[in-house]
Structure formats: structure tokens, C-alpha cells
C-alpha atoms as a PDB file:
ATOM      1  CA  MET A   1      96.246 -36.314  32.736  1.00  0.00           C
ATOM      2  CA  SER A   2      96.627 -32.823  34.163  1.00  0.00           C
ATOM      3  CA  ILE A   3      99.935 -31.008  33.864  1.00  0.00           C
ATOM      4  CA  LYS A   4     101.275 -29.924  37.224  1.00  0.00           C
ATOM      5  CA  LYS A   5     102.529 -26.391  37.688  1.00  0.00           C
ATOM      6  CA  ILE A   6     106.277 -26.218  37.161  1.00  0.00           C
ATOM      7  CA  PRO A   7     107.860 -25.430  40.532  1.00  0.00           C
ATOM      8  CA  GLU A   8     109.831 -22.244  41.127  1.00  0.00           C
ATOM      9  CA  PHE A   9     113.557 -22.796  41.694  1.00  0.00           C
ATOM     10  CA  LEU A  10     116.671 -20.698  42.130  1.00  0.00           C
ATOM     11  CA  THR A  11     119.361 -20.550  39.475  1.00  0.00           C
ATOM     12  CA  GLY A  12     122.960 -21.131  40.524  1.00  0.00           C
ATOM     13  CA  GLU A  13     123.525 -17.392  40.467  1.00  0.00           C
ATOM     14  CA  GLU A  14     120.500 -16.748  42.679  1.00  0.00           C
ATOM     15  CA  GLN A  15     121.634 -19.446  45.107  1.00  0.00           C
ATOM     16  CA  GLN A  16     125.011 -17.713  45.367  1.00  0.00           C
ATOM     17  CA  LEU A  17     123.361 -14.306  45.903  1.00  0.00           C
ATOM     18  CA  LEU A  18     121.283 -15.801  48.712  1.00  0.00           C
ATOM     19  CA  LEU A  19     124.249 -17.465  50.422  1.00  0.00           C
ATOM     20  CA  ASN A  20     126.396 -14.325  50.137  1.00  0.00           C
ATOM     21  CA  VAL A  21     123.906 -12.194  52.100  1.00  0.00           C
ATOM     22  CA  PHE A  22     124.694 -13.793  55.488  1.00  0.00           C
ATOM     23  CA  ASN A  23     127.132 -12.407  58.040  1.00  0.00           C
ATOM     24  CA  ILE A  24     128.197 -15.562  59.881  1.00  0.00           C
ATOM     25  CA  ARG A  25     129.894 -13.632  62.678  1.00  0.00           C
ATOM     26  CA  TYR A  26     126.406 -13.547  64.193  1.00  0.00           C
ATOM     27  CA  PHE A  27     125.110 -16.783  65.670  1.00  0.00           C
ATOM     28  CA  ASN A  28     121.587 -16.735  64.152  1.00  0.00           C
ATOM     29  CA  SER A  29     122.920 -15.620  60.773  1.00  0.00           C
ATOM     30  CA  HIS A  30     125.425 -18.515  60.783  1.00  0.00           C
ATOM     31  CA  ARG A  31     122.634 -20.942  61.737  1.00  0.00           C
ATOM     32  CA  ASN A  32     120.362 -19.616  58.983  1.00  0.00           C
ATOM     33  CA  LYS A  33     123.073 -19.800  56.322  1.00  0.00           C
ATOM     34  CA  MET A  34     123.876 -23.393  57.314  1.00  0.00           C
ATOM     35  CA  MET A  35     120.198 -24.293  57.122  1.00  0.00           C
ATOM     36  CA  ILE A  36     119.830 -22.823  53.631  1.00  0.00           C
ATOM     37  CA  LYS A  37     123.038 -24.549  52.505  1.00  0.00           C
ATOM     38  CA  LEU A  38     121.716 -27.838  53.849  1.00  0.00           C
ATOM     39  CA  PHE A  39     118.358 -27.338  52.085  1.00  0.00           C
ATOM     40  CA  LEU A  40     120.252 -26.776  48.816  1.00  0.00           C
ATOM     41  CA  ALA A  41     122.596 -29.736  49.432  1.00  0.00           C
ATOM     42  CA  THR A  42     119.981 -32.307  50.454  1.00  0.00           C
ATOM     43  CA  GLY A  43     116.517 -31.271  49.274  1.00  0.00           C
ATOM     44  CA  LEU A  44     115.079 -31.829  52.739  1.00  0.00           C
ATOM     45  CA  ARG A  45     111.495 -30.770  53.353  1.00  0.00           C
ATOM     46  CA  LEU A  46     110.954 -27.997  55.906  1.00  0.00           C
ATOM     47  CA  SER A  47     109.572 -30.447  58.495  1.00  0.00           C
ATOM     48  CA  GLU A  48     112.568 -32.758  57.949  1.00  0.00           C
ATOM     49  CA  MET A  49     114.976 -29.865  58.467  1.00  0.00           C
ATOM     50  CA  ILE A  50     113.278 -28.741  61.667  1.00  0.00           C
ATOM     51  CA  ASP A  51     113.241 -32.339  62.979  1.00  0.00           C
ATOM     52  CA  LEU A  52     116.874 -33.053  61.991  1.00  0.00           C
ATOM     53  CA  GLN A  53     118.930 -34.230  64.950  1.00  0.00           C
ATOM     54  CA  TRP A  54     122.690 -34.503  65.296  1.00  0.00           C
ATOM     55  CA  SER A  55     122.250 -38.242  65.954  1.00  0.00           C
ATOM     56  CA  SER A  56     120.972 -38.568  62.361  1.00  0.00           C
ATOM     57  CA  ILE A  57     124.188 -37.205  60.811  1.00  0.00           C
ATOM     58  CA  ASN A  58     127.400 -39.209  60.719  1.00  0.00           C
ATOM     59  CA  LEU A  59     130.019 -36.462  60.626  1.00  0.00           C
ATOM     60  CA  MET A  60     132.677 -39.000  59.585  1.00  0.00           C
ATOM     61  CA  SER A  61     130.971 -40.846  56.696  1.00  0.00           C
ATOM     62  CA  GLY A  62     128.675 -38.022  55.590  1.00  0.00           C
ATOM     63  CA  GLN A  63     125.575 -40.169  55.884  1.00  0.00           C
ATOM     64  CA  LEU A  64     122.416 -38.268  56.796  1.00  0.00           C
ATOM     65  CA  LYS A  65     119.363 -40.240  57.851  1.00  0.00           C
ATOM     66  CA  VAL A  66     116.007 -38.580  57.331  1.00  0.00           C
ATOM     67  CA  VAL A  67     113.898 -40.082  60.098  1.00  0.00           C
ATOM     68  CA  GLN A  68     110.139 -40.253  59.621  1.00  0.00           C
ATOM     69  CA  GLY A  69     110.002 -38.154  56.477  1.00  0.00           C
ATOM     70  CA  LYS A  70     106.722 -37.651  54.611  1.00  0.00           C
ATOM     71  CA  GLY A  71     104.610 -40.791  54.794  1.00  0.00           C
ATOM     72  CA  SER A  72     106.562 -41.828  57.920  1.00  0.00           C
ATOM     73  CA  LYS A  73     109.358 -43.148  55.710  1.00  0.00           C
ATOM     74  CA  ASP A  74     113.063 -43.024  56.549  1.00  0.00           C
ATOM     75  CA  ARG A  75     115.625 -42.408  53.825  1.00  0.00           C
ATOM     76  CA  MET A  76     119.363 -41.900  53.490  1.00  0.00           C
ATOM     77  CA  SER A  77     121.280 -39.055  51.967  1.00  0.00           C
ATOM     78  CA  TRP A  78     124.971 -38.206  51.824  1.00  0.00           C
ATOM     79  CA  LEU A  79     126.816 -34.957  52.328  1.00  0.00           C
ATOM     80  CA  SER A  80     129.903 -33.674  50.551  1.00  0.00           C
ATOM     81  CA  ASP A  81     133.191 -33.285  52.430  1.00  0.00           C
ATOM     82  CA  VAL A  82     132.802 -29.504  52.231  1.00  0.00           C
ATOM     83  CA  MET A  83     129.307 -29.634  53.746  1.00  0.00           C
ATOM     84  CA  LEU A  84     130.515 -32.015  56.458  1.00  0.00           C
ATOM     85  CA  GLU A  85     133.290 -29.634  57.439  1.00  0.00           C
ATOM     86  CA  GLU A  86     130.850 -26.723  57.570  1.00  0.00           C
ATOM     87  CA  LEU A  87     128.484 -28.785  59.735  1.00  0.00           C
ATOM     88  CA  ARG A  88     131.353 -29.682  62.101  1.00  0.00           C
ATOM     89  CA  ILE A  89     132.166 -25.973  62.451  1.00  0.00           C
ATOM     90  CA  TRP A  90     128.479 -25.164  62.997  1.00  0.00           C
ATOM     91  CA  LYS A  91     128.119 -27.889  65.662  1.00  0.00           C
ATOM     92  CA  GLU A  92     131.156 -26.528  67.495  1.00  0.00           C
ATOM     93  CA  LYS A  93     129.781 -22.976  67.374  1.00  0.00           C
ATOM     94  CA  GLN A  94     126.329 -24.160  68.489  1.00  0.00           C
ATOM     95  CA  THR A  95     127.812 -26.165  71.380  1.00  0.00           C
ATOM     96  CA  ASP A  96     130.028 -23.251  72.481  1.00  0.00           C
ATOM     97  CA  LYS A  97     127.034 -20.908  72.536  1.00  0.00           C
ATOM     98  CA  LEU A  98     124.226 -23.171  73.813  1.00  0.00           C
ATOM     99  CA  GLY A  99     125.784 -26.372  75.153  1.00  0.00           C
ATOM    100  CA  LYS A 100     125.017 -29.799  73.715  1.00  0.00           C
ATOM    101  CA  CYS A 101     121.961 -29.673  71.451  1.00  0.00           C
ATOM    102  CA  GLN A 102     119.731 -32.472  70.217  1.00  0.00           C
ATOM    103  CA  TYR A 103     118.641 -30.633  67.068  1.00  0.00           C
ATOM    104  CA  VAL A 104     120.960 -29.396  64.328  1.00  0.00           C
ATOM    105  CA  PHE A 105     119.103 -26.077  64.168  1.00  0.00           C
ATOM    106  CA  THR A 106     117.580 -24.661  67.338  1.00  0.00           C
ATOM    107  CA  ASN A 107     116.305 -21.489  68.910  1.00  0.00           C
ATOM    108  CA  ARG A 108     118.252 -19.814  71.731  1.00  0.00           C
ATOM    109  CA  ASP A 109     116.585 -22.144  74.263  1.00  0.00           C
ATOM    110  CA  LYS A 110     117.873 -25.241  72.399  1.00  0.00           C
ATOM    111  CA  GLY A 111     114.312 -25.991  71.278  1.00  0.00           C
ATOM    112  CA  GLN A 112     113.047 -26.796  67.795  1.00  0.00           C
ATOM    113  CA  LEU A 113     112.513 -23.975  65.358  1.00  0.00           C
ATOM    114  CA  ARG A 114     108.968 -23.257  64.191  1.00  0.00           C
ATOM    115  CA  ASP A 115     108.197 -23.782  60.515  1.00  0.00           C
ATOM    116  CA  ARG A 116     106.678 -20.301  60.235  1.00  0.00           C
ATOM    117  CA  ASP A 117     109.920 -18.727  61.500  1.00  0.00           C
ATOM    118  CA  VAL A 118     112.023 -20.666  58.983  1.00  0.00           C
ATOM    119  CA  ARG A 119     109.687 -19.647  56.139  1.00  0.00           C
ATOM    120  CA  GLU A 120     109.933 -15.987  57.183  1.00  0.00           C
ATOM    121  CA  MET A 121     113.719 -16.255  57.442  1.00  0.00           C
ATOM    122  CA  VAL A 122     114.022 -17.607  53.886  1.00  0.00           C
ATOM    123  CA  VAL A 123     111.796 -14.827  52.500  1.00  0.00           C
ATOM    124  CA  THR A 124     113.670 -12.117  54.446  1.00  0.00           C
ATOM    125  CA  TYR A 125     117.108 -13.209  53.253  1.00  0.00           C
ATOM    126  CA  ALA A 126     115.909 -13.699  49.673  1.00  0.00           C
ATOM    127  CA  LYS A 127     114.671 -10.081  49.655  1.00  0.00           C
ATOM    128  CA  LYS A 128     118.012  -8.911  51.105  1.00  0.00           C
ATOM    129  CA  ALA A 129     119.741 -10.806  48.286  1.00  0.00           C
ATOM    130  CA  GLY A 130     117.610  -8.999  45.704  1.00  0.00           C
ATOM    131  CA  ILE A 131     115.768 -12.132  44.601  1.00  0.00           C
ATOM    132  CA  THR A 132     112.368 -11.109  43.264  1.00  0.00           C
ATOM    133  CA  LYS A 133     110.893 -14.599  42.883  1.00  0.00           C
ATOM    134  CA  LYS A 134     108.443 -15.721  45.534  1.00  0.00           C
ATOM    135  CA  ILE A 135     110.518 -18.269  47.426  1.00  0.00           C
ATOM    136  CA  SER A 136     110.096 -20.574  50.397  1.00  0.00           C
ATOM    137  CA  PRO A 137     111.999 -23.504  51.905  1.00  0.00           C
ATOM    138  CA  HIS A 138     110.239 -25.670  49.311  1.00  0.00           C
ATOM    139  CA  THR A 139     111.801 -23.535  46.557  1.00  0.00           C
ATOM    140  CA  LEU A 140     115.188 -24.598  47.933  1.00  0.00           C
ATOM    141  CA  ARG A 141     114.080 -28.249  47.680  1.00  0.00           C
ATOM    142  CA  HIS A 142     113.053 -27.635  44.069  1.00  0.00           C
ATOM    143  CA  SER A 143     116.427 -25.993  43.412  1.00  0.00           C
ATOM    144  CA  PHE A 144     118.217 -29.064  44.792  1.00  0.00           C
ATOM    145  CA  ALA A 145     116.119 -31.418  42.654  1.00  0.00           C
ATOM    146  CA  THR A 146     116.598 -29.328  39.519  1.00  0.00           C
ATOM    147  CA  ASP A 147     120.364 -29.153  39.998  1.00  0.00           C
ATOM    148  CA  LEU A 148     120.602 -32.879  40.763  1.00  0.00           C
ATOM    149  CA  LEU A 149     118.619 -33.814  37.660  1.00  0.00           C
ATOM    150  CA  ARG A 150     120.609 -31.389  35.528  1.00  0.00           C
ATOM    151  CA  ASP A 151     123.924 -32.829  36.797  1.00  0.00           C
ATOM    152  CA  THR A 152     123.063 -36.539  36.856  1.00  0.00           C
ATOM    153  CA  LYS A 153     120.340 -36.828  34.161  1.00  0.00           C
ATOM    154  CA  ASN A 154     118.953 -39.571  36.435  1.00  0.00           C
ATOM    155  CA  ILE A 155     115.308 -39.107  37.454  1.00  0.00           C
ATOM    156  CA  ILE A 156     115.357 -42.267  39.615  1.00  0.00           C
ATOM    157  CA  LEU A 157     118.239 -40.862  41.652  1.00  0.00           C
ATOM    158  CA  VAL A 158     116.301 -37.593  42.118  1.00  0.00           C
ATOM    159  CA  GLN A 159     113.213 -39.564  43.175  1.00  0.00           C
ATOM    160  CA  LYS A 160     115.239 -41.438  45.785  1.00  0.00           C
ATOM    161  CA  ALA A 161     116.974 -38.293  47.068  1.00  0.00           C
ATOM    162  CA  LEU A 162     113.642 -36.504  47.515  1.00  0.00           C
ATOM    163  CA  GLY A 163     111.940 -39.500  49.126  1.00  0.00           C
ATOM    164  CA  HIS A 164     109.128 -39.644  46.564  1.00  0.00           C
ATOM    165  CA  SER A 165     107.304 -42.973  46.562  1.00  0.00           C
ATOM    166  CA  ASP A 166     105.784 -42.311  43.143  1.00  0.00           C
ATOM    167  CA  LEU A 167     107.983 -41.437  40.156  1.00  0.00           C
ATOM    168  CA  SER A 168     105.201 -39.309  38.657  1.00  0.00           C
ATOM    169  CA  THR A 169     105.703 -36.845  41.530  1.00  0.00           C
ATOM    170  CA  THR A 170     109.361 -36.488  40.576  1.00  0.00           C
ATOM    171  CA  MET A 171     108.648 -36.179  36.844  1.00  0.00           C
ATOM    172  CA  ILE A 172     107.719 -32.499  37.299  1.00  0.00           C
ATOM    173  CA  TYR A 173     111.452 -31.748  37.330  1.00  0.00           C
ATOM    174  CA  THR A 174     111.846 -33.033  33.773  1.00  0.00           C
ATOM    175  CA  HIS A 175     109.828 -30.013  32.590  1.00  0.00           C
ATOM    176  CA  ILE A 176     112.380 -27.677  34.144  1.00  0.00           C
ATOM    177  CA  VAL A 177     115.200 -28.991  32.007  1.00  0.00           C
ATOM    178  CA  ASP A 178     113.077 -29.241  28.834  1.00  0.00           C
ATOM    179  CA  ASP A 179     114.353 -25.859  27.618  1.00  0.00           C
ATOM    180  CA  GLU A 180     117.925 -27.099  27.915  1.00  0.00           C
ATOM    181  CA  TYR A 181     116.924 -30.316  26.161  1.00  0.00           C
ATOM    182  CA  GLU A 182     115.328 -28.371  23.322  1.00  0.00           C
ATOM    183  CA  GLU A 183     118.409 -26.162  22.963  1.00  0.00           C
ATOM    184  CA  ALA A 184     120.731 -29.183  22.944  1.00  0.00           C
ATOM    185  CA  LEU A 185     118.740 -30.942  20.227  1.00  0.00           C
ATOM    186  CA  LYS A 186     118.452 -27.809  18.092  1.00  0.00           C
ATOM    187  CA  ASN A 187     122.225 -27.420  18.201  1.00  0.00           C
ATOM    188  CA  PHE A 188     122.995 -31.129  17.757  1.00  0.00           C
ATOM    189  CA  ARG A 189     124.980 -31.936  14.578  1.00  0.00           C
ATOM    190  CA  ARG A 190     124.584 -28.498  13.030  1.00  0.00           C
END
């Protein structure tokens, strides 16, 4: 069995540095910050984020339906009350500026964003935040998964949240918390 490369992820501090770099008075900056927050809150893949439509988010219950994710599978996720409120504010700002939009994140013509543009945006803002790691939208997905596993200690829950059909794909995240595991055991019953 080959060992997969441990994915790069952002620490909590790095996530905060990244989110603090945005000036949300500007429309595109507000959109980009919301997108990064949603990546970190849901672990969506880049294609899922670009395809995300308002009709897939219940702004009352917090249910988010990922339609036709990888492998053409749908899955459910849930958003916190804080994230829901921020999405309501974003939708209002988007509607005021562009009119009713089908997609949660759009260009100025209300069309879908291109994956290349989102990748470049993430890299640009990470540099502005002083983050030296090589990051991408997928790094934000890894950050979500790492944080979820760290908080819940439940690999099955992480598997379900990420939409992995095979648990072995999700198991890579157990390596990330191994250092914490080692430290905990070394300090257990001293």
C-alpha cells in the first residue's frame, strides 16, 4: 500500500490572516471573502463552489445541497447561523448590484466564475495575507476536513461531509492529526 502525500492545509491562524485581508466595501472583495469563508465552512470542491446556486441553499434551515458533486453524486451539508446570516447579507448585496442571480458567486455579467479565476484569486489573497504555503481552493477543502476531524474525531462524518465514496480517500486526514495524537499520548498520565 502506498502512502499518499499529506495534503497542505491552513492553520486556524492562517485562515484568520487570509480572511482579514479582504475589504468588503468592494463588491468583488466581498464576494471573494464569502467564497473563501464558504470553502472553509463546507469543504466544497472548486467545481461545486462555482456550480453552487441559490436554489441549493435553504437560508432558513441552513441546509446546503451539493448537486452533482464528483461522481455525479448529490450530498447535503449544513451551515452555521453565522454563515447563514453572512450569506443573506451577501445575497442582498449581490441582488442590489446585479439583480436576481442564479449562482451564489458570479462575475459582473451574472455568469459563472471560471475555475482558473478562482484559483488565481485564492493565491493572490494568500500572498497578500503573508501566507507562504502554496495554496489553492483545494487547500481550503483540506483545511475544512482537518478542522472537522480535529473537532469531531469522527472520520466517517468527515467522509460524508467531503462526499468521499471510499473511506480510504478520507483516511489521509488522520495523518494530519497524528502529531497531536502522539503529543497527547506522550503526555497521558505523566
